[in-house]
Structures are given as structure tokens and as C-alpha cells.
Amino acid sequence: MDMSRFLPLAAAALAIAAGSTASAQTFPVRPITIVVPYAVGGTTDIVARLAANQVANGLGQAFVVDNKVGGGGLIGWGTVARAAPDGYTVLTTEMSFTIAPGLLPKMPFDARKDFSHIITAASAPHVLVVHPGLPVKTVQEFIALAKAKPGTMNYGSGGNGTNTHLGGELFKTAAGIDLVHIPYKGAGAVLTDLMAGQVQALVTSLPTALPHIRSGKLRALVVTSEARSPLLPDVPSAKEAKLPSFVMDFWVGFAAPAGTPQPVVDTLNQAFVAALNSDDGRRRLAEQGLTPVANTPAQASQLAASEMKRWAAVVKSANIKAD
């Protein structure tokens, strides 16, 4: 057999393989951009900046956090979906990223196929909080009051399809009660009205609510975890409160565009794991009410897929429509 015609193909394949190996060995050689689809100061932004500072030291390259706000996350997600798959553009992912596919079937990208998940960085439970003036001290008393006055009690959210909205719907289903949903344009607005007594309840991430709980402006009734949070040791978990289907985490992760070489994804993963599990990384996360997860790319991908499936079912069951 004449092998001469196969030699150019073989040489090309070896060149590609060598180039990929060299790229992985030298990565990174320039600053890396972390795209945050939300405004500065939120939990996702805080985790991104904390991780950026830690990982930059480990990899020897600067990490630049770029807040691309708009469209409920769509602008930031789309920016990374279209970016070159070389590891130099990274996206912060979180619950809303996995809610969106079930809520917005015509997104300009495929959330399931257009990203390579690097890591789930950190997580925290949600917490059900109420205005202190509401005549309830426990989640059981809240449920009893809602059952005694069906359709007259309400909860606020940061908008249709947000984690605060789906958390409220999940609580309604778990508790078997009827609450009126009042959507706001952002979590900050609903927090302001909740503390003013204009709405009665909110399900939000623990880091968001914690300062207001500690100041006495909000009362925590239950955390959405299987065990109590060390930050709120007197507040029962969803499992303790016999609301097992109300267990839900707020989490933040990182992803790259699909097609990013696996060695590059692995390099980023290892750097994030080291940073998040360092004493300083753990301390800084704990200050925000977060716990490091620091899993593998495969585990991060599995979590994202399972969350998309879960929230799509909640969206369908509650007949939630995007604004």
C-alpha cells in the first residue's frame, strides 16, 4: 500500500496535538477575563472578585472582572458563548443560568451545549425571611397562618423566573400553602419593601439576607439546607422543618466557551480548587456566608444539568412566564 498520501494527514494531526499540548503547558500567557452578568456588589460578583484575586496569584496572570449587565444575565452569558474557546474568557454561572433554559426557550445560544463547566466554586443555602412585625416566630406558625388565610399572604421576589421567585414557589409547594407572588425589578427593591413591611416574606440567598437578619430588620424562619447553618444556629433547616423538597442551594461556578481544550479547563480547575480551599479563601467565603464546593469539571457539568432539569420542572408546574 502506498502510504505517502497519508503522511501529510499524519503530520498535520501530530502538529495539532503538539500545538494543543504546548498551549496547555504555557497557559496562561496573558490576563484572563471573568465575565459577571450582574452588577457589582452582588454575591456572584463578590465570589468572582474573591476567586480572581486568589487564582491570579496561583497562575501568575491577572484576572479582570468584567460586569456585563443586562437581559437578566443574557448579555453576559451570550458574550462568553461567542468568545474564543481558549480559556481567556470565563463566565460566572449560578442558579439563574440554570433556570433560564426552562424559562426562555429561544435564547440566542444553547446553555446546555455552548459552555464547558470548570468548577462549582461555592454554595450557600437560601433562607425564608419575614418582616419582624408578622405575628409568627417559626416556619410552622407561618404555614399555619397562611393556611388560615389562604390567598391573603404574599411573598416578594426580584422578578419572574429569578431564584427568589422559584424559591417562593418551591416553598409554597413544600408547605402546601397559597401565597400571592409580588414581583419586583431586582432583589434590592423587594428587600427594601420587606423591611418596610410592604411585603411579608422572601426566599433569598443567605449571604444577601444575613446582614439584615443580624440587625434585626428581618426574621429568619428556615434555611433551605439539610443541616443548620453555623451562621444561624438557632434557625431550623428545611429537613428539620419537615420540608425536604424545599432544600435548595445558591451556588456560584465558572465556565468557559464550549470547545475550550480540556487541559486548559483542567488547569483553571486546579487553580480555582487551590484558591478556594486555601485558608484565606475559606475565610473570605465564610465571611459572605458561603462554603467552598471546589468540585471537578465533570461534577460541575453534572450539577448544571441536574439544576436545569429541576428548575424547568418548577417553571412548568407553576406556569411561570418571563417578564
Protein backbone atom coordinates (compact mmCIF):
# COMPACT_ATOMS: atom_id res chain seq x y z
CA MET A 1 0.00 0.00 0.00
CA ASP A 2 1.24 3.47 -0.88
CA MET A 3 1.48 5.27 2.46
CA SER A 4 2.78 8.51 1.03
CA ARG A 5 -0.65 10.06 0.70
CA PHE A 6 -1.33 9.51 4.40
CA LEU A 7 1.86 11.20 5.56
CA PRO A 8 0.61 14.81 5.23
CA LEU A 9 -2.51 13.94 7.25
CA ALA A 10 -0.47 12.24 9.93
CA ALA A 11 1.91 15.17 10.11
CA ALA A 12 -1.00 17.59 10.44
CA ALA A 13 -2.53 15.53 13.22
CA LEU A 14 0.76 15.45 15.10
CA ALA A 15 1.16 19.20 14.65
CA ILE A 16 -2.31 19.85 16.06
CA ALA A 17 -1.67 17.55 19.02
CA ALA A 18 1.70 19.17 19.68
CA GLY A 19 0.16 22.62 19.45
CA SER A 20 -2.59 21.68 21.90
CA THR A 21 -0.05 20.25 24.36
CA ALA A 22 2.17 23.32 24.06
CA SER A 23 -0.85 25.59 24.58
CA ALA A 24 -1.87 23.72 27.73
CA GLN A 25 1.70 23.77 29.05
CA THR A 26 2.09 27.52 28.58
CA PHE A 27 -1.45 28.61 29.53
CA PRO A 28 -2.00 31.31 30.62
CA VAL A 29 0.31 33.77 28.91
CA ARG A 30 -1.93 36.85 29.19
CA PRO A 31 -4.66 38.20 31.52
CA ILE A 32 -7.94 36.27 31.82
CA THR A 33 -11.33 37.99 31.82
CA ILE A 34 -14.09 36.80 34.15
CA VAL A 35 -17.49 37.92 32.88
CA VAL A 36 -20.07 38.58 35.59
CA PRO A 37 -23.59 39.03 34.12
CA TYR A 38 -24.73 41.10 37.11
CA ALA A 39 -23.95 44.38 38.83
CA VAL A 40 -21.04 44.98 41.17
CA GLY A 41 -21.65 44.04 44.79
CA GLY A 42 -23.94 41.02 44.48
CA THR A 43 -22.98 37.57 45.73
CA THR A 44 -21.95 36.36 42.26
CA ASP A 45 -19.73 39.42 41.78
CA ILE A 46 -18.22 39.00 45.24
CA VAL A 47 -17.28 35.37 44.57
CA ALA A 48 -15.83 36.28 41.17
CA ARG A 49 -13.61 39.00 42.63
CA LEU A 50 -12.54 36.88 45.57
CA ALA A 51 -11.61 33.99 43.27
CA ALA A 52 -9.92 36.32 40.76
CA ASN A 53 -7.56 37.68 43.39
CA GLN A 54 -6.71 34.24 44.72
CA VAL A 55 -6.31 32.46 41.37
CA ALA A 56 -4.23 35.27 39.86
CA ASN A 57 -1.56 34.59 42.46
CA GLY A 58 -1.55 30.88 41.67
CA LEU A 59 -1.39 31.21 37.87
CA GLY A 60 0.82 34.27 37.71
CA GLN A 61 -1.56 36.20 35.46
CA ALA A 62 -4.04 38.96 36.18
CA PHE A 63 -7.77 38.22 36.23
CA VAL A 64 -10.00 41.08 35.10
CA VAL A 65 -13.64 41.06 36.27
CA ASP A 66 -15.98 42.49 33.62
CA ASN A 67 -19.59 43.15 34.70
CA LYS A 68 -21.74 42.83 31.58
CA VAL A 69 -25.18 43.64 32.95
CA GLY A 70 -28.50 43.28 31.16
CA GLY A 71 -31.21 40.93 29.99
CA GLY A 72 -31.34 39.11 33.31
CA GLY A 73 -27.93 37.62 32.56
CA LEU A 74 -28.37 37.07 28.82
CA ILE A 75 -25.82 39.69 27.77
CA GLY A 76 -23.04 38.23 29.91
CA TRP A 77 -23.89 34.62 29.07
CA GLY A 78 -24.02 35.40 25.36
CA THR A 79 -20.70 37.23 25.47
CA VAL A 80 -18.93 34.13 26.74
CA ALA A 81 -20.85 31.74 24.49
CA ARG A 82 -19.46 33.67 21.50
CA ALA A 83 -15.93 34.09 22.89
CA ALA A 84 -12.89 32.23 21.58
CA PRO A 85 -12.61 28.82 23.31
CA ASP A 86 -9.08 29.41 24.57
CA GLY A 87 -9.55 29.79 28.32
CA TYR A 88 -9.04 33.55 28.36
CA THR A 89 -12.74 34.37 28.76
CA VAL A 90 -14.51 32.78 31.74
CA LEU A 91 -18.12 33.10 32.86
CA THR A 92 -19.55 33.13 36.35
CA THR A 93 -22.52 30.78 36.47
CA GLU A 94 -25.15 30.46 39.17
CA MET A 95 -28.76 29.43 39.70
CA SER A 96 -30.24 31.86 37.18
CA PHE A 97 -28.03 30.39 34.46
CA THR A 98 -29.73 27.02 35.02
CA ILE A 99 -33.22 28.48 35.43
CA ALA A 100 -33.08 30.35 32.11
CA PRO A 101 -33.29 27.36 29.70
CA GLY A 102 -36.66 26.33 31.14
CA LEU A 103 -37.91 29.90 31.21
CA LEU A 104 -36.54 31.26 27.93
CA PRO A 105 -36.73 28.56 25.25
CA LYS A 106 -35.50 30.91 22.48
CA MET A 107 -32.19 32.11 23.93
CA PRO A 108 -29.55 33.09 21.34
CA PHE A 109 -27.32 30.23 22.50
CA ASP A 110 -27.71 26.74 23.94
CA ALA A 111 -26.98 26.82 27.67
CA ARG A 112 -26.64 23.03 27.69
CA LYS A 113 -24.12 22.77 24.84
CA ASP A 114 -22.29 26.09 24.47
CA PHE A 115 -20.27 26.03 27.70
CA SER A 116 -17.56 23.90 29.30
CA HIS A 117 -18.04 23.93 33.07
CA ILE A 118 -14.84 24.44 35.01
CA ILE A 119 -15.95 24.25 38.63
CA THR A 120 -18.73 24.89 41.13
CA ALA A 121 -16.89 27.33 43.35
CA ALA A 122 -19.07 27.89 46.40
CA SER A 123 -22.58 27.50 47.72
CA ALA A 124 -24.91 28.74 50.42
CA PRO A 125 -28.46 27.88 51.41
CA HIS A 126 -31.39 30.17 50.82
CA VAL A 127 -33.36 31.43 53.79
CA LEU A 128 -37.03 32.27 54.28
CA VAL A 129 -37.24 35.68 55.95
CA VAL A 130 -40.23 37.71 57.11
CA HIS A 131 -40.86 41.16 58.47
CA PRO A 132 -40.42 41.09 62.28
CA GLY A 133 -43.88 42.57 62.68
CA LEU A 134 -45.52 39.48 61.22
CA PRO A 135 -47.04 37.53 64.16
CA VAL A 136 -45.01 34.37 63.61
CA LYS A 137 -41.84 33.12 65.28
CA THR A 138 -41.41 29.80 63.45
CA VAL A 139 -41.92 28.42 59.97
CA GLN A 140 -44.70 26.19 61.33
CA GLU A 141 -46.54 29.26 62.62
CA PHE A 142 -46.09 30.95 59.23
CA ILE A 143 -47.54 27.92 57.44
CA ALA A 144 -50.45 27.77 59.91
CA LEU A 145 -51.20 31.46 59.37
CA ALA A 146 -51.09 31.05 55.58
CA LYS A 147 -53.46 28.09 55.76
CA ALA A 148 -55.83 30.06 57.98
CA LYS A 149 -55.85 32.95 55.47
CA PRO A 150 -55.44 31.34 52.04
CA GLY A 151 -54.57 33.76 49.25
CA THR A 152 -54.19 36.77 51.54
CA MET A 153 -50.49 36.47 52.42
CA ASN A 154 -47.75 37.36 49.99
CA TYR A 155 -44.09 36.97 49.20
CA GLY A 156 -41.86 39.23 47.14
CA SER A 157 -39.23 38.31 44.56
CA GLY A 158 -36.61 40.00 42.43
CA GLY A 159 -38.72 39.30 39.33
CA ASN A 160 -40.38 36.50 37.39
CA GLY A 161 -38.11 33.50 36.98
CA THR A 162 -35.46 34.62 39.47
CA ASN A 163 -34.11 32.38 42.21
CA THR A 164 -36.23 34.34 44.71
CA HIS A 165 -39.36 33.63 42.67
CA LEU A 166 -38.67 29.92 42.20
CA GLY A 167 -37.66 29.64 45.84
CA GLY A 168 -41.01 31.08 46.85
CA GLU A 169 -42.87 28.67 44.58
CA LEU A 170 -40.84 25.76 45.92
CA PHE A 171 -41.76 26.77 49.48
CA LYS A 172 -45.46 27.04 48.59
CA THR A 173 -45.43 23.52 47.16
CA ALA A 174 -43.40 22.05 50.02
CA ALA A 175 -45.65 23.64 52.66
CA GLY A 176 -48.93 23.13 50.81
CA ILE A 177 -49.96 26.77 51.12
CA ASP A 178 -51.20 29.57 48.87
CA LEU A 179 -49.13 32.76 48.78
CA VAL A 180 -49.51 35.69 46.40
CA HIS A 181 -46.39 36.42 44.37
CA ILE A 182 -45.35 40.09 44.11
CA PRO A 183 -42.50 40.54 41.60
CA TYR A 184 -40.09 43.46 41.83
CA LYS A 185 -37.40 44.68 39.46
CA GLY A 186 -34.46 43.37 41.43
CA ALA A 187 -33.75 41.83 44.81
CA GLY A 188 -32.74 45.17 46.35
CA ALA A 189 -36.20 46.63 45.82
CA VAL A 190 -38.00 43.70 47.42
CA LEU A 191 -35.63 43.75 50.41
CA THR A 192 -36.37 47.43 50.97
CA ASP A 193 -40.14 46.85 50.91
CA LEU A 194 -39.88 43.73 53.07
CA MET A 195 -38.02 45.64 55.78
CA ALA A 196 -40.64 48.39 55.49
CA GLY A 197 -43.45 45.85 55.93
CA GLN A 198 -44.87 46.29 52.42
CA VAL A 199 -44.47 42.58 51.66
CA GLN A 200 -44.49 39.76 54.15
CA ALA A 201 -41.91 37.18 53.11
CA LEU A 202 -38.95 36.49 50.84
CA VAL A 203 -36.82 33.47 49.97
CA THR A 204 -33.32 34.68 49.16
CA SER A 205 -29.71 33.57 49.43
CA LEU A 206 -28.29 33.58 52.93
CA PRO A 207 -25.43 35.99 52.07
CA THR A 208 -27.99 38.54 50.82
CA ALA A 209 -30.20 38.37 53.91
CA LEU A 210 -27.61 37.79 56.64
CA PRO A 211 -26.77 41.44 57.46
CA HIS A 212 -30.46 42.31 57.80
CA ILE A 213 -31.14 39.24 59.96
CA ARG A 214 -28.27 40.16 62.26
CA SER A 215 -29.50 43.76 62.53
CA GLY A 216 -32.99 42.57 63.50
CA LYS A 217 -34.64 44.09 60.43
CA LEU A 218 -35.65 40.62 59.18
CA ARG A 219 -36.60 37.40 60.95
CA ALA A 220 -35.26 34.11 59.59
CA LEU A 221 -37.67 31.16 59.80
CA VAL A 222 -35.91 28.33 57.96
CA VAL A 223 -32.75 27.74 55.92
CA THR A 224 -33.06 25.63 52.79
CA SER A 225 -30.44 23.05 53.71
CA GLU A 226 -30.36 19.59 55.22
CA ALA A 227 -28.46 20.81 58.29
CA ARG A 228 -28.50 24.09 60.18
CA SER A 229 -26.20 26.87 59.06
CA PRO A 230 -23.43 27.69 61.55
CA LEU A 231 -24.17 31.34 60.80
CA LEU A 232 -27.78 30.92 62.01
CA PRO A 233 -27.54 28.13 64.58
CA ASP A 234 -30.97 28.87 66.04
CA VAL A 235 -32.79 28.61 62.71
CA PRO A 236 -34.00 25.13 61.66
CA SER A 237 -33.09 23.53 58.36
CA ALA A 238 -35.68 22.57 55.76
CA LYS A 239 -35.10 18.92 56.63
CA GLU A 240 -35.72 19.60 60.34
CA ALA A 241 -38.84 21.57 59.49
CA LYS A 242 -40.14 18.54 57.54
CA LEU A 243 -39.89 20.41 54.23
CA PRO A 244 -37.41 18.15 52.40
CA SER A 245 -38.40 19.33 48.92
CA PHE A 246 -37.50 22.88 50.00
CA VAL A 247 -33.78 22.04 50.12
CA MET A 248 -32.05 24.30 47.58
CA ASP A 249 -28.63 25.90 47.34
CA PHE A 250 -27.50 29.16 45.91
CA TRP A 251 -24.23 28.39 44.15
CA VAL A 252 -21.66 30.16 42.01
CA GLY A 253 -19.45 28.45 39.45
CA PHE A 254 -17.23 29.18 36.49
CA ALA A 255 -17.46 28.03 32.87
CA ALA A 256 -15.64 28.58 29.57
CA PRO A 257 -16.92 28.53 25.99
CA ALA A 258 -17.57 25.05 24.61
CA GLY A 259 -14.54 23.69 22.78
CA THR A 260 -12.02 25.02 25.26
CA PRO A 261 -9.20 22.40 25.36
CA GLN A 262 -9.64 20.05 28.30
CA PRO A 263 -6.06 20.61 29.54
CA VAL A 264 -6.85 24.34 29.78
CA VAL A 265 -10.11 23.62 31.64
CA ASP A 266 -8.19 21.32 34.00
CA THR A 267 -5.51 23.97 34.61
CA LEU A 268 -8.18 26.51 35.55
CA ASN A 269 -9.99 23.98 37.72
CA GLN A 270 -6.85 23.12 39.67
CA ALA A 271 -6.07 26.80 40.22
CA PHE A 272 -9.61 27.53 41.44
CA VAL A 273 -9.58 24.48 43.76
CA ALA A 274 -6.29 25.56 45.34
CA ALA A 275 -7.52 29.13 45.81
CA LEU A 276 -10.92 28.22 47.24
CA ASN A 277 -9.53 25.62 49.64
CA SER A 278 -6.75 27.87 50.93
CA ASP A 279 -7.12 29.19 54.47
CA ASP A 280 -7.61 32.71 53.14
CA GLY A 281 -10.10 31.57 50.51
CA ARG A 282 -12.20 29.66 53.05
CA ARG A 283 -12.12 32.58 55.47
CA ARG A 284 -13.22 35.09 52.86
CA LEU A 285 -16.04 32.84 51.65
CA ALA A 286 -17.20 32.20 55.22
CA GLU A 287 -17.42 35.96 55.79
CA GLN A 288 -20.01 36.02 52.99
CA GLY A 289 -21.93 33.01 54.34
CA LEU A 290 -20.53 30.73 51.64
CA THR A 291 -18.86 27.32 51.72
CA PRO A 292 -16.34 26.17 49.09
CA VAL A 293 -17.52 23.35 46.84
CA ALA A 294 -14.42 23.17 44.61
CA ASN A 295 -15.51 20.15 42.55
CA THR A 296 -14.27 18.71 39.25
CA PRO A 297 -15.32 19.85 35.77
CA ALA A 298 -17.37 16.66 35.38
CA GLN A 299 -19.14 17.25 38.70
CA ALA A 300 -19.78 20.91 37.81
CA SER A 301 -21.30 19.82 34.50
CA GLN A 302 -23.48 17.26 36.25
CA LEU A 303 -24.73 19.85 38.76
CA ALA A 304 -25.62 22.31 36.00
CA ALA A 305 -27.52 19.63 34.08
CA SER A 306 -29.46 18.47 37.14
CA GLU A 307 -30.31 22.06 38.13
CA MET A 308 -31.61 22.81 34.62
CA LYS A 309 -33.86 19.77 34.82
CA ARG A 310 -35.12 20.64 38.30
CA TRP A 311 -35.93 24.29 37.61
CA ALA A 312 -37.53 23.55 34.24
CA ALA A 313 -39.98 21.31 36.12
CA VAL A 314 -40.71 24.05 38.70
CA VAL A 315 -41.22 26.65 35.94
CA LYS A 316 -43.63 24.35 34.12
CA SER A 317 -45.52 23.33 37.28
CA ALA A 318 -46.01 26.93 38.44
CA ASN A 319 -46.68 28.17 34.88
CA ILE A 320 -44.04 30.87 35.27
CA LYS A 321 -43.56 33.23 32.36
CA ALA A 322 -40.63 35.58 31.74
CA ASP A 323 -41.27 39.32 32.02
